[in-house]
Amino acid sequence: MYLFEDNDGQREYYKNIINNIIMINDYSIKLIEANSVETFKQMFVKQQYGLFFLDMEIGDDVKAGLKIAENVRKSMQDAKIVFLTTHEELSFLTLERKISPMDYILKDNKLDFVKKRIIQDIELAKNYYVNSLYQKEKIFGYKIGSKYFSVPMKEVVLLYTKKQFPGKVSLEADSRSTSFPGNLNLLESKYSNLLRVDKSYLINKDRVVSYDLHRRILYLDNNIQCNVSYRKSSEVSNLFK
């Protein structure tokens, strides 16, 4: 998350609001501050997602924030941009330059109103991120507490449950082994490349190695294996045809 503001008092006020929201909700978010175009360019890191609170006017340049937003939009299509400004008359330029800001907050409003809008925008950006995370089939997403995690679907090998840990799903992937609150039925319906082979096992169809039909044991990458139910045996066998 980025905060671009050259007024020290205003930047401190916005920073406190943002950091309080991060702390209260235990968000795994880092806030990066910048008070000049040069500082912003030095600290900017291109990522898939990001939330940007940008002051429109920096120093004598009334359109400094607008220029920053244009560069952000070109390099980060999924960026969420919020302008904090006194220049309402410049809002049409954001449309003209196809910046598509998420919000436009006028500083002339009361502080409580500005605070409320900042909080709402953080929550909205978080929801956009979560929905995108779970809808993109090439990314597997899960949540532990209030924090969201993702792993490339191509790295996912197996998801499974244990009777002694109801409501918990274990993940075996190339880069990690972990557990999180979940349900195999919901995960199977959400990701088309995951296949339920037993009431306790959900496998990535792209990570199968071989299948012992007589013993009904499925062998996966990373020396992982799991049982296959009698009802699912023929469907698993079809993966190798």
Protein backbone atom coordinates (compact mmCIF):
# COMPACT_ATOMS: atom_id res chain seq x y z
CA MET A 1 0.00 0.00 0.00
CA TYR A 2 1.32 3.44 -0.94
CA LEU A 3 0.67 6.91 0.51
CA PHE A 4 1.81 9.83 -1.67
CA GLU A 5 1.44 13.16 0.15
CA ASP A 6 3.85 16.10 0.59
CA ASN A 7 2.03 17.83 3.47
CA ASP A 8 3.65 16.42 6.62
CA GLY A 9 0.61 16.95 8.85
CA GLN A 10 -1.85 15.41 6.40
CA ARG A 11 0.47 12.52 5.60
CA GLU A 12 0.83 11.73 9.33
CA TYR A 13 -2.95 11.83 9.78
CA TYR A 14 -3.59 9.49 6.84
CA LYS A 15 -0.74 7.21 7.92
CA ASN A 16 -2.20 6.82 11.41
CA ILE A 17 -5.61 5.91 10.00
CA ILE A 18 -4.12 3.32 7.66
CA ASN A 19 -1.77 1.79 10.24
CA ASN A 20 -4.60 1.49 12.76
CA ILE A 21 -6.73 -0.41 10.24
CA ILE A 22 -3.79 -2.70 9.43
CA MET A 23 -3.18 -3.36 13.13
CA ILE A 24 -6.83 -3.85 14.13
CA ASN A 25 -7.49 -6.30 11.29
CA ASP A 26 -4.05 -7.94 11.42
CA TYR A 27 -3.60 -7.35 7.69
CA SER A 28 -0.29 -8.50 6.21
CA ILE A 29 0.16 -5.13 4.48
CA LYS A 30 3.18 -2.84 4.39
CA LEU A 31 2.61 0.90 4.04
CA ILE A 32 5.11 2.83 1.94
CA GLU A 33 5.19 6.64 2.26
CA ALA A 34 6.47 9.17 -0.27
CA ASN A 35 6.46 12.98 -0.19
CA SER A 36 7.90 13.61 -3.65
CA VAL A 37 7.73 12.17 -7.13
CA GLU A 38 11.40 11.16 -6.93
CA THR A 39 10.88 9.34 -3.62
CA PHE A 40 7.82 7.54 -4.96
CA LYS A 41 9.69 6.33 -8.04
CA GLN A 42 12.55 5.04 -5.89
CA MET A 43 10.23 3.12 -3.56
CA PHE A 44 7.69 1.85 -6.08
CA VAL A 45 7.79 -1.91 -6.67
CA LYS A 46 5.73 -3.44 -9.46
CA GLN A 47 3.38 -6.15 -8.19
CA GLN A 48 0.10 -7.67 -9.31
CA TYR A 49 -1.97 -5.90 -6.65
CA GLY A 50 -1.65 -2.66 -4.73
CA LEU A 51 -3.63 0.16 -3.15
CA PHE A 52 -2.49 3.74 -3.77
CA PHE A 53 -3.58 6.85 -1.88
CA LEU A 54 -2.30 9.71 -4.04
CA ASP A 55 -2.34 13.44 -3.43
CA MET A 56 -3.06 15.13 -6.75
CA GLU A 57 -0.90 18.23 -6.12
CA ILE A 58 2.72 17.93 -5.04
CA GLY A 59 4.61 21.20 -4.61
CA ASP A 60 3.83 23.43 -7.58
CA ASP A 61 2.77 20.54 -9.79
CA VAL A 62 -1.03 20.29 -9.65
CA LYS A 63 -1.01 17.09 -11.71
CA ALA A 64 1.85 15.22 -10.01
CA GLY A 65 -0.45 12.57 -8.55
CA LEU A 66 -2.19 12.18 -11.88
CA LYS A 67 1.13 11.48 -13.61
CA ILE A 68 2.07 8.95 -10.93
CA ALA A 69 -1.32 7.26 -11.34
CA GLU A 70 -0.83 6.97 -15.10
CA ASN A 71 2.49 5.18 -14.60
CA VAL A 72 1.02 2.92 -11.93
CA ARG A 73 -1.91 1.96 -14.15
CA LYS A 74 0.40 1.13 -17.08
CA SER A 75 2.51 -1.24 -14.98
CA MET A 76 -0.18 -2.59 -12.60
CA GLN A 77 -3.54 -3.18 -14.25
CA ASP A 78 -5.04 -4.47 -10.99
CA ALA A 79 -3.89 -1.47 -8.92
CA LYS A 80 -6.56 0.31 -6.87
CA ILE A 81 -6.06 4.07 -6.96
CA VAL A 82 -7.58 6.64 -4.60
CA PHE A 83 -6.99 10.37 -5.07
CA LEU A 84 -6.81 12.64 -2.00
CA THR A 85 -7.10 16.18 -3.30
CA THR A 86 -8.62 19.65 -3.13
CA HIS A 87 -8.86 19.82 -6.92
CA GLU A 88 -12.30 18.46 -7.73
CA GLU A 89 -12.11 20.07 -11.15
CA LEU A 90 -9.36 17.64 -12.20
CA SER A 91 -11.49 14.55 -11.70
CA PHE A 92 -12.50 14.47 -15.37
CA LEU A 93 -8.84 14.03 -16.33
CA THR A 94 -8.77 10.65 -14.59
CA LEU A 95 -11.46 9.51 -17.02
CA GLU A 96 -9.80 11.11 -20.01
CA ARG A 97 -6.51 9.36 -19.24
CA LYS A 98 -8.22 6.03 -18.44
CA ILE A 99 -6.82 5.81 -14.92
CA SER A 100 -10.07 4.38 -13.48
CA PRO A 101 -9.60 5.44 -9.84
CA MET A 102 -11.48 3.52 -7.18
CA ASP A 103 -12.29 6.70 -5.26
CA TYR A 104 -11.81 10.46 -5.26
CA ILE A 105 -11.68 11.94 -1.74
CA LEU A 106 -11.85 15.70 -1.35
CA LYS A 107 -9.66 17.00 1.47
CA ASP A 108 -12.06 19.90 2.04
CA ASN A 109 -14.51 17.53 3.71
CA LYS A 110 -14.53 17.05 7.47
CA LEU A 111 -11.76 14.87 8.89
CA ASP A 112 -14.21 12.24 10.10
CA PHE A 113 -15.63 11.94 6.58
CA VAL A 114 -12.15 11.59 5.07
CA LYS A 115 -11.25 8.96 7.68
CA LYS A 116 -14.43 7.00 6.96
CA ARG A 117 -13.75 6.99 3.21
CA ILE A 118 -10.14 5.83 3.69
CA ILE A 119 -11.31 2.95 5.89
CA GLN A 120 -14.01 2.00 3.36
CA ASP A 121 -11.51 2.09 0.49
CA ILE A 122 -9.07 -0.19 2.31
CA GLU A 123 -11.85 -2.69 2.98
CA LEU A 124 -13.09 -2.47 -0.62
CA ALA A 125 -9.59 -2.99 -2.03
CA LYS A 126 -9.13 -5.99 0.26
CA ASN A 127 -12.40 -7.50 -1.01
CA TYR A 128 -11.33 -6.94 -4.63
CA TYR A 129 -8.06 -8.71 -3.90
CA VAL A 130 -9.67 -11.67 -2.15
CA ASN A 131 -12.31 -12.16 -4.85
CA SER A 132 -9.67 -12.01 -7.57
CA LEU A 133 -7.48 -14.44 -5.65
CA TYR A 134 -10.19 -17.06 -5.36
CA GLN A 135 -11.63 -16.62 -8.84
CA LYS A 136 -8.40 -17.05 -10.76
CA GLU A 137 -8.05 -20.76 -11.37
CA LYS A 138 -4.28 -20.60 -11.86
CA ILE A 139 -3.86 -19.40 -8.27
CA PHE A 140 -4.90 -21.40 -5.23
CA GLY A 141 -5.93 -19.17 -2.33
CA TYR A 142 -6.61 -19.88 1.32
CA LYS A 143 -7.09 -17.96 4.54
CA ILE A 144 -5.57 -18.42 8.01
CA GLY A 145 -7.11 -16.10 10.58
CA SER A 146 -7.40 -12.70 8.94
CA LYS A 147 -4.53 -13.25 6.52
CA TYR A 148 -4.82 -14.46 2.93
CA PHE A 149 -2.25 -16.62 1.18
CA SER A 150 -1.82 -17.88 -2.35
CA VAL A 151 0.23 -20.48 -4.19
CA PRO A 152 0.44 -21.14 -7.94
CA MET A 153 -1.98 -23.94 -8.77
CA LYS A 154 0.74 -25.74 -10.72
CA GLU A 155 2.60 -26.20 -7.39
CA VAL A 156 -0.39 -27.77 -5.60
CA VAL A 157 -0.15 -31.57 -5.34
CA LEU A 158 -2.66 -32.73 -2.74
CA LEU A 159 -5.28 -31.46 -0.28
CA TYR A 160 -6.54 -33.75 2.45
CA THR A 161 -8.39 -33.91 5.75
CA LYS A 162 -7.92 -35.92 8.95
CA LYS A 163 -10.70 -37.19 11.21
CA GLN A 164 -8.95 -35.89 14.33
CA PHE A 165 -8.87 -32.34 12.91
CA PRO A 166 -12.41 -31.60 11.64
CA GLY A 167 -12.77 -28.40 9.65
CA LYS A 168 -9.08 -28.34 8.76
CA VAL A 169 -7.61 -28.92 5.30
CA SER A 170 -3.95 -29.82 4.83
CA LEU A 171 -2.08 -28.65 1.74
CA GLU A 172 0.91 -30.35 0.12
CA ALA A 173 2.58 -28.17 -2.50
CA ASP A 174 6.06 -27.78 -3.97
CA SER A 175 6.82 -24.71 -1.89
CA ARG A 176 4.93 -25.45 1.33
CA SER A 177 3.04 -27.81 3.60
CA THR A 178 0.40 -26.17 5.75
CA SER A 179 -3.10 -26.45 7.19
CA PHE A 180 -5.99 -24.00 7.10
CA PRO A 181 -9.72 -23.91 7.90
CA GLY A 182 -11.63 -25.26 4.93
CA ASN A 183 -13.86 -27.80 3.26
CA LEU A 184 -12.87 -30.18 0.46
CA ASN A 185 -16.34 -30.01 -1.12
CA LEU A 186 -16.12 -26.24 -1.51
CA LEU A 187 -12.57 -26.39 -2.85
CA GLU A 188 -13.50 -29.05 -5.39
CA SER A 189 -16.38 -26.93 -6.70
CA LYS A 190 -14.18 -23.83 -6.90
CA TYR A 191 -11.21 -25.27 -8.81
CA SER A 192 -11.93 -27.39 -11.89
CA ASN A 193 -8.49 -29.03 -12.03
CA LEU A 194 -8.87 -30.51 -8.53
CA LEU A 195 -10.38 -33.99 -8.37
CA ARG A 196 -11.90 -35.70 -5.34
CA VAL A 197 -10.53 -39.28 -5.32
CA ASP A 198 -11.71 -40.20 -1.82
CA LYS A 199 -13.72 -38.52 0.93
CA SER A 200 -10.44 -37.36 2.47
CA TYR A 201 -8.34 -36.56 -0.62
CA LEU A 202 -8.45 -33.88 -3.31
CA ILE A 203 -5.70 -34.08 -5.90
CA ASN A 204 -4.36 -31.85 -8.65
CA LYS A 205 -5.00 -33.74 -11.89
CA ASP A 206 -1.86 -32.22 -13.41
CA ARG A 207 0.37 -33.75 -10.72
CA VAL A 208 -0.53 -37.44 -11.02
CA VAL A 209 2.26 -39.93 -11.78
CA SER A 210 0.74 -43.42 -11.80
CA TYR A 211 -2.15 -45.44 -10.46
CA ASP A 212 -2.19 -48.93 -8.97
CA LEU A 213 -5.66 -50.05 -9.99
CA HIS A 214 -5.67 -53.26 -7.93
CA ARG A 215 -4.59 -51.62 -4.69
CA ARG A 216 -6.38 -48.36 -5.57
CA ILE A 217 -3.36 -46.23 -4.65
CA LEU A 218 -2.66 -43.07 -6.61
CA TYR A 219 0.95 -41.87 -6.87
CA LEU A 220 1.60 -38.15 -7.20
CA ASP A 221 4.62 -35.87 -7.60
CA ASN A 222 7.01 -35.37 -4.68
CA ASN A 223 6.62 -39.04 -3.65
CA ILE A 224 3.11 -38.39 -2.36
CA GLN A 225 0.44 -41.09 -2.52
CA CYS A 226 -3.20 -41.42 -1.48
CA ASN A 227 -6.04 -43.91 -1.47
CA VAL A 228 -8.75 -43.91 -4.13
CA SER A 229 -12.30 -44.93 -3.33
CA TYR A 230 -13.91 -47.75 -5.31
CA ARG A 231 -16.48 -45.33 -6.72
CA LYS A 232 -13.75 -42.99 -8.03
CA SER A 233 -11.42 -45.67 -9.36
CA SER A 234 -12.61 -45.62 -12.97
CA GLU A 235 -12.48 -41.81 -13.09
CA VAL A 236 -8.90 -41.85 -11.84
CA SER A 237 -7.99 -44.53 -14.37
CA ASN A 238 -9.29 -42.26 -17.15
CA LEU A 239 -6.66 -39.67 -16.22
CA PHE A 240 -4.03 -41.97 -17.76
CA LYS A 241 -5.80 -42.64 -21.05
